[in-house]
Protein backbone atom coordinates (compact mmCIF):
# COMPACT_ATOMS: atom_id res chain seq x y z
CA MET A 1 -29.42 -25.88 6.27
CA VAL A 2 -26.39 -27.35 8.08
CA ALA A 3 -25.79 -26.50 11.73
CA VAL A 4 -23.30 -28.26 13.94
CA ASP A 5 -25.49 -27.51 16.98
CA GLY A 6 -28.42 -29.48 15.57
CA THR A 7 -30.66 -26.52 14.73
CA GLY A 8 -30.51 -27.23 10.99
CA GLN A 9 -31.69 -30.06 8.77
CA TYR A 10 -28.20 -31.60 8.89
CA ARG A 11 -25.33 -31.54 11.36
CA SER A 12 -22.76 -32.55 8.73
CA ILE A 13 -21.81 -30.68 5.56
CA GLN A 14 -20.99 -33.97 3.87
CA GLU A 15 -24.41 -35.42 4.66
CA ALA A 16 -26.08 -32.37 3.13
CA ILE A 17 -23.96 -32.72 -0.02
CA GLU A 18 -24.84 -36.37 -0.40
CA HIS A 19 -28.57 -35.58 -0.26
CA ALA A 20 -28.34 -32.55 -2.57
CA VAL A 21 -29.67 -32.56 -6.13
CA SER A 22 -28.86 -30.31 -9.07
CA GLY A 23 -29.68 -26.69 -8.40
CA ASP A 24 -29.64 -26.96 -4.60
CA THR A 25 -28.12 -24.38 -2.27
CA ILE A 26 -26.63 -25.65 1.00
CA GLN A 27 -26.46 -23.02 3.71
CA VAL A 28 -23.94 -23.60 6.50
CA LYS A 29 -24.42 -21.92 9.87
CA ALA A 30 -21.54 -20.70 12.02
CA GLY A 31 -19.48 -23.31 13.79
CA GLU A 32 -16.47 -25.61 13.60
CA TYR A 33 -16.98 -28.67 11.40
CA GLN A 34 -14.57 -31.48 12.27
CA GLU A 35 -15.05 -33.38 9.01
CA ASP A 36 -13.64 -34.03 5.56
CA VAL A 37 -15.73 -32.76 2.65
CA ILE A 38 -15.86 -34.06 -0.92
CA ILE A 39 -18.11 -33.01 -3.78
CA HIS A 40 -18.21 -35.23 -6.88
CA SER A 41 -20.78 -36.38 -9.42
CA LYS A 42 -22.73 -33.17 -8.77
CA ASP A 43 -23.70 -30.18 -10.87
CA ARG A 44 -25.18 -26.75 -10.16
CA LEU A 45 -24.56 -26.91 -6.42
CA ARG A 46 -23.94 -23.92 -4.11
CA LEU A 47 -22.44 -24.17 -0.63
CA ILE A 48 -22.78 -20.86 1.20
CA GLY A 49 -21.38 -20.34 4.70
CA GLU A 50 -22.27 -17.53 7.10
CA GLY A 51 -18.79 -16.04 6.69
CA MET A 52 -15.17 -17.08 6.51
CA ASP A 53 -14.63 -15.93 10.09
CA ARG A 54 -17.65 -17.89 11.36
CA VAL A 55 -17.60 -21.22 9.51
CA LYS A 56 -14.47 -23.37 9.87
CA ILE A 57 -13.99 -26.74 8.18
CA LEU A 58 -11.22 -28.50 10.08
CA GLY A 59 -10.96 -31.96 8.51
CA ARG A 60 -10.64 -35.31 10.18
CA ASP A 61 -8.92 -38.25 8.47
CA ARG A 62 -8.21 -37.49 4.80
CA PHE A 63 -5.17 -35.87 3.21
CA GLY A 64 -6.71 -32.59 2.18
CA VAL A 65 -9.82 -31.32 3.93
CA PHE A 66 -12.03 -30.23 0.99
CA HIS A 67 -12.06 -31.99 -2.39
CA ILE A 68 -14.10 -30.92 -5.40
CA GLY A 69 -14.19 -33.63 -8.09
CA LYS A 70 -12.21 -36.84 -8.29
CA TRP A 71 -11.29 -39.33 -10.99
CA PRO A 72 -13.20 -40.71 -12.84
CA TYR A 73 -16.07 -38.61 -11.48
CA GLY A 74 -16.33 -34.92 -12.21
CA VAL A 75 -18.31 -31.87 -11.14
CA THR A 76 -19.91 -28.99 -13.03
CA ASP A 77 -20.93 -25.53 -11.81
CA ILE A 78 -20.00 -25.64 -8.14
CA GLU A 79 -19.91 -22.47 -6.00
CA ILE A 80 -18.32 -22.23 -2.54
CA SER A 81 -18.30 -19.12 -0.34
CA GLY A 82 -18.27 -17.88 3.23
CA VAL A 83 -16.11 -20.57 4.87
CA THR A 84 -12.59 -21.20 6.15
CA ILE A 85 -10.87 -24.42 5.08
CA ASN A 86 -7.89 -25.66 7.09
CA GLU A 87 -5.13 -27.87 5.73
CA ARG A 88 -4.47 -31.49 6.63
CA GLY A 89 -1.19 -33.06 5.57
CA GLY A 90 -0.30 -29.79 3.84
CA LEU A 91 -3.31 -29.77 1.47
CA ALA A 92 -6.34 -27.66 2.29
CA MET A 93 -8.37 -27.90 -0.93
CA GLY A 94 -8.09 -29.96 -4.10
CA LEU A 95 -9.93 -29.31 -7.38
CA TYR A 96 -9.90 -32.22 -9.82
CA ASN A 97 -11.53 -33.12 -13.11
CA GLY A 98 -14.28 -30.52 -13.11
CA ARG A 99 -15.62 -27.44 -14.85
CA GLY A 100 -17.20 -24.24 -13.66
CA VAL A 101 -15.88 -24.06 -10.08
CA VAL A 102 -16.27 -20.70 -8.30
CA LEU A 103 -14.67 -19.87 -4.96
CA HIS A 104 -15.32 -16.46 -3.47
CA ASP A 105 -14.91 -15.00 0.01
CA VAL A 106 -13.18 -18.17 1.25
CA ARG A 107 -10.17 -18.41 3.54
CA ILE A 108 -7.83 -21.31 2.72
CA ASN A 109 -5.18 -22.12 5.32
CA GLY A 110 -2.76 -24.24 3.30
CA LEU A 111 -2.36 -25.36 -0.30
CA LEU A 112 -5.09 -24.92 -2.90
CA PHE A 113 -4.27 -27.38 -5.70
CA GLY A 114 -6.04 -27.78 -9.04
CA GLN A 115 -5.45 -30.42 -11.71
CA GLN A 116 -7.41 -30.85 -14.93
CA VAL A 117 -10.08 -28.33 -13.96
CA LEU A 118 -11.53 -25.76 -16.35
CA ASP A 119 -13.39 -22.48 -15.99
CA VAL A 120 -12.31 -21.92 -12.38
CA ARG A 121 -12.81 -18.50 -10.80
CA ILE A 122 -11.22 -17.60 -7.45
CA GLU A 123 -12.20 -14.18 -6.15
CA ARG A 124 -11.80 -12.24 -2.89
CA CYS A 125 -10.20 -15.22 -1.16
CA VAL A 126 -7.44 -15.26 1.46
CA ILE A 127 -4.95 -18.04 0.81
CA GLY A 128 -1.88 -18.58 2.96
CA GLY A 129 0.19 -20.55 5.40
CA SER A 130 1.30 -23.31 3.03
CA GLU A 131 4.74 -24.86 3.47
CA THR A 132 4.79 -25.45 -0.30
CA THR A 133 2.68 -23.22 -2.55
CA GLY A 134 -0.39 -21.14 -1.84
CA VAL A 135 -2.09 -21.85 -5.18
CA GLN A 136 -0.87 -24.46 -7.64
CA PHE A 137 -2.44 -25.39 -10.96
CA ALA A 138 -1.50 -28.17 -13.39
CA ASP A 139 -3.19 -28.60 -16.78
CA SER A 140 -6.02 -26.28 -15.75
CA GLN A 141 -7.76 -23.06 -16.75
CA ALA A 142 -8.53 -20.46 -14.08
CA VAL A 143 -8.94 -16.77 -13.28
CA LEU A 144 -7.82 -15.34 -9.91
CA VAL A 145 -9.09 -11.85 -9.10
CA ASN A 146 -8.76 -9.67 -5.99
CA ASN A 147 -7.25 -12.33 -3.75
CA LEU A 148 -4.69 -12.05 -0.94
CA ILE A 149 -2.05 -14.80 -1.30
CA HIS A 150 0.39 -14.64 1.58
CA ASP A 151 3.03 -16.35 3.70
CA ASN A 152 3.68 -19.51 1.67
CA ASP A 153 6.89 -20.96 0.26
CA HIS A 154 5.76 -19.89 -3.23
CA GLY A 155 2.71 -17.75 -3.87
CA VAL A 156 1.29 -19.12 -7.15
CA THR A 157 2.73 -21.92 -9.31
CA ILE A 158 1.36 -22.46 -12.83
CA ALA A 159 2.51 -25.69 -14.49
CA GLY A 160 1.80 -28.23 -17.20
CA LYS A 161 -0.48 -26.92 -19.94
CA SER A 162 -2.37 -24.53 -17.67
CA ASP A 163 -3.85 -21.25 -18.85
CA ILE A 164 -4.19 -18.88 -15.88
CA ARG A 165 -5.06 -15.20 -15.49
CA LEU A 166 -4.03 -13.27 -12.36
CA GLU A 167 -5.62 -9.86 -11.97
CA ARG A 168 -5.54 -7.39 -9.05
CA ASN A 169 -4.20 -9.87 -6.53
CA ILE A 170 -1.90 -8.99 -3.64
CA ILE A 171 0.86 -11.62 -3.39
CA VAL A 172 2.96 -10.96 -0.32
CA ARG A 173 5.54 -12.42 2.09
CA ASN A 174 6.18 -15.69 0.26
CA LEU A 175 9.57 -17.21 1.02
CA PHE A 176 10.56 -17.68 -2.63
CA GLU A 177 8.85 -16.32 -5.79
CA GLY A 178 5.45 -14.73 -5.69
CA VAL A 179 4.54 -16.28 -9.08
CA VAL A 180 6.18 -19.12 -11.01
CA VAL A 181 5.09 -20.01 -14.55
CA THR A 182 6.76 -23.13 -15.92
CA ASP A 183 6.50 -26.09 -18.34
CA SER A 184 4.33 -25.10 -21.33
CA ALA A 185 1.84 -23.09 -19.27
CA LYS A 186 0.35 -19.78 -20.36
CA ALA A 187 -0.22 -16.94 -17.92
CA VAL A 188 -1.54 -13.40 -17.96
CA LEU A 189 -0.54 -11.19 -15.02
CA ILE A 190 -2.33 -7.85 -15.03
CA SER A 191 -2.46 -5.23 -12.26
CA ASN A 192 -1.12 -7.33 -9.40
CA THR A 193 0.89 -6.13 -6.40
CA ILE A 194 3.70 -8.66 -5.83
CA VAL A 195 5.68 -7.51 -2.82
CA LYS A 196 7.86 -8.61 0.11
CA ASN A 197 8.64 -12.01 -1.41
CA GLY A 198 11.98 -13.71 -1.94
CA GLY A 199 11.47 -13.08 -5.66
CA GLY A 200 8.79 -11.51 -7.80
CA VAL A 201 7.95 -13.45 -10.98
CA ALA A 202 9.81 -16.43 -12.51
CA LEU A 203 8.95 -17.31 -16.11
CA LEU A 204 10.58 -20.68 -16.80
CA GLY A 205 10.42 -23.72 -19.07
CA SER A 206 8.71 -23.08 -22.40
CA SER A 207 6.00 -20.97 -20.78
CA ARG A 208 4.32 -18.02 -22.52
CA SER A 209 3.29 -15.03 -20.45
CA GLN A 210 1.94 -11.52 -20.65
CA VAL A 211 2.94 -9.36 -17.68
CA THR A 212 1.66 -5.80 -17.62
CA GLY A 213 0.52 -3.14 -15.17
CA ASN A 214 1.97 -4.85 -12.09
CA ILE A 215 3.94 -3.56 -9.13
CA ILE A 216 6.81 -5.96 -8.41
CA GLY A 217 8.65 -4.43 -5.50
CA LEU A 218 10.21 -4.88 -2.08
CA ASN A 219 11.36 -8.36 -3.11
CA LYS A 220 14.98 -9.46 -3.37
CA THR A 221 14.58 -9.84 -7.15
CA GLY A 222 11.98 -8.86 -9.73
CA PHE A 223 11.86 -11.03 -12.88
CA VAL A 224 13.67 -14.28 -13.57
CA LEU A 225 13.36 -15.35 -17.22
CA GLY A 226 14.29 -18.77 -18.51
CA PRO A 227 16.03 -19.14 -21.89
CA SER A 228 13.06 -20.92 -23.52
CA SER A 229 10.26 -18.88 -21.99
CA GLN A 230 8.43 -16.24 -24.00
CA ALA A 231 7.17 -13.12 -22.29
CA THR A 232 5.52 -9.85 -23.27
CA ILE A 233 6.38 -7.41 -20.51
CA SER A 234 5.16 -3.80 -20.28
CA TYR A 235 4.23 -1.02 -17.86
CA ASN A 236 5.43 -2.72 -14.69
CA ALA A 237 6.94 -0.87 -11.74
CA LEU A 238 9.97 -2.62 -10.21
CA TYR A 239 11.58 -1.68 -6.91
CA ASN A 240 13.62 -4.60 -5.56
CA SER A 241 16.63 -4.82 -3.29
CA GLU A 242 19.05 -6.90 -5.42
CA HIS A 243 18.13 -7.18 -9.11
CA ASP A 244 15.05 -6.31 -11.14
CA TYR A 245 15.88 -8.63 -14.08
CA LEU A 246 17.70 -11.95 -14.08
CA ARG A 247 18.33 -14.67 -16.63
CA ALA A 248 17.70 -18.12 -15.17
CA GLY A 249 20.79 -20.24 -14.74
CA SER A 250 23.14 -21.78 -12.20
CA PRO A 251 23.44 -19.21 -10.79
CA ASN A 252 20.96 -16.67 -12.16
CA ARG A 253 22.66 -13.80 -13.98
CA PRO A 254 21.79 -10.10 -13.83
CA ALA A 255 20.20 -9.05 -17.13
CA PRO A 256 19.28 -5.36 -17.12
CA GLU A 257 18.98 -5.55 -20.92
CA LEU A 258 15.68 -7.43 -20.43
CA LYS A 259 14.00 -4.27 -19.17
CA ALA A 260 11.05 -3.26 -21.32
CA ASP A 261 11.05 0.36 -22.45
CA SER A 262 7.80 1.03 -20.60
CA ASP A 263 8.87 -0.62 -17.32
CA MET A 264 9.89 1.71 -14.51
CA ALA A 265 12.39 1.36 -11.67
CA VAL A 266 10.64 3.57 -9.15
CA ASP A 267 9.40 3.66 -5.57
CA PRO A 268 5.61 3.03 -5.78
CA ARG A 269 5.05 5.18 -2.67
CA PHE A 270 2.79 2.81 -0.78
CA VAL A 271 0.76 4.26 2.09
CA ASP A 272 2.40 2.07 4.78
CA PRO A 273 4.26 -0.99 3.47
CA ASP A 274 5.55 -1.85 6.96
CA ARG A 275 1.94 -2.54 7.96
CA ASP A 276 1.06 -4.11 4.60
CA ASP A 277 -0.98 -1.14 3.43
CA PHE A 278 -0.17 -1.31 -0.27
CA ARG A 279 -2.52 1.39 -1.42
CA LEU A 280 -0.73 4.06 -3.40
CA ARG A 281 -0.19 7.47 -1.91
CA PRO A 282 -1.70 10.42 -3.78
CA ASP A 283 1.79 11.47 -4.90
CA THR A 284 2.57 8.08 -6.50
CA PRO A 285 4.11 8.20 -9.97
CA LEU A 286 2.12 5.10 -10.98
CA THR A 287 -1.11 6.64 -12.27
CA ARG A 288 -2.36 7.09 -15.83
CA LEU A 289 0.24 4.85 -17.44
CA GLY A 290 -0.24 2.58 -20.43
CA GLY A 291 -4.01 2.86 -20.34
CA PHE A 292 -4.13 1.91 -16.64
CA PRO A 293 -5.66 4.40 -14.19
CA TYR A 294 -3.03 3.08 -11.74
CA LEU A 295 -0.56 0.21 -11.59
CA GLY A 296 -0.93 -2.64 -9.13
CA ALA A 297 -3.93 -4.09 -7.33
CA LEU A 298 -5.09 -1.19 -5.14
CA ALA A 299 -6.29 2.27 -6.05
CA PRO A 300 -4.50 5.32 -4.64
CA ALA A 301 -5.65 6.50 -1.23
CA ASN A 302 -7.60 9.73 -1.18
């Protein structure tokens, strides 16, 4: 048990990590922890806070407040939950050279960056406030499910040889694109709500993507497709202010011919988009389409 007030076995999260052995669970009591945290050369370790609104890791000296893995040392089977991690120098959390990292019910204020990590799962997290990208992966494999990714420059950037799946995430109010897939990365985007961004989804470089069952609306633009990218696009609802489909270039060019037959240009009929309530109204046209009970991340309101 870690407690900043001295009522636990340790006052410092880092001290508890250094004394932990394989299979240990570190419980973190409510409080503000003014420290940098790094986990490396560990396996089968759980760090469980009392709640993202009650446990705040603020950092101290290092660029990036929370690091999991580092070269040449790795990590295996690490689980983090129930904490808030603030950024320092723009980076909140870095994942490097590891396998089997699970983040759930974590708030990340700043950039979450992953490089050369495999079997990552990020679920029910709130990630936002980065002046670059909310979530960025390079040469990594990850699944992101049921997260809120908000108020960054870009929402999610997938680069290098990454293989990333995005499912039922809300990606909102990012200055530029909600999702960028580039280089030779592979991405699957299924049942996400990508709204109120500068752009929806950019598929660039020689990337390969499957994009289906998403709502891409209330952005300036919907899709931007690069000439060398490959994309399978189906059963998406697009509702954007300028263009739904663009070919990447200098400048980008409108390309309505890119529309898939099953895509729809239609108002999703959100409950209250002005207040970021992106549930679908009962009269939405986006139910029972393409094998999906509904499109987007959130079920219709009753």
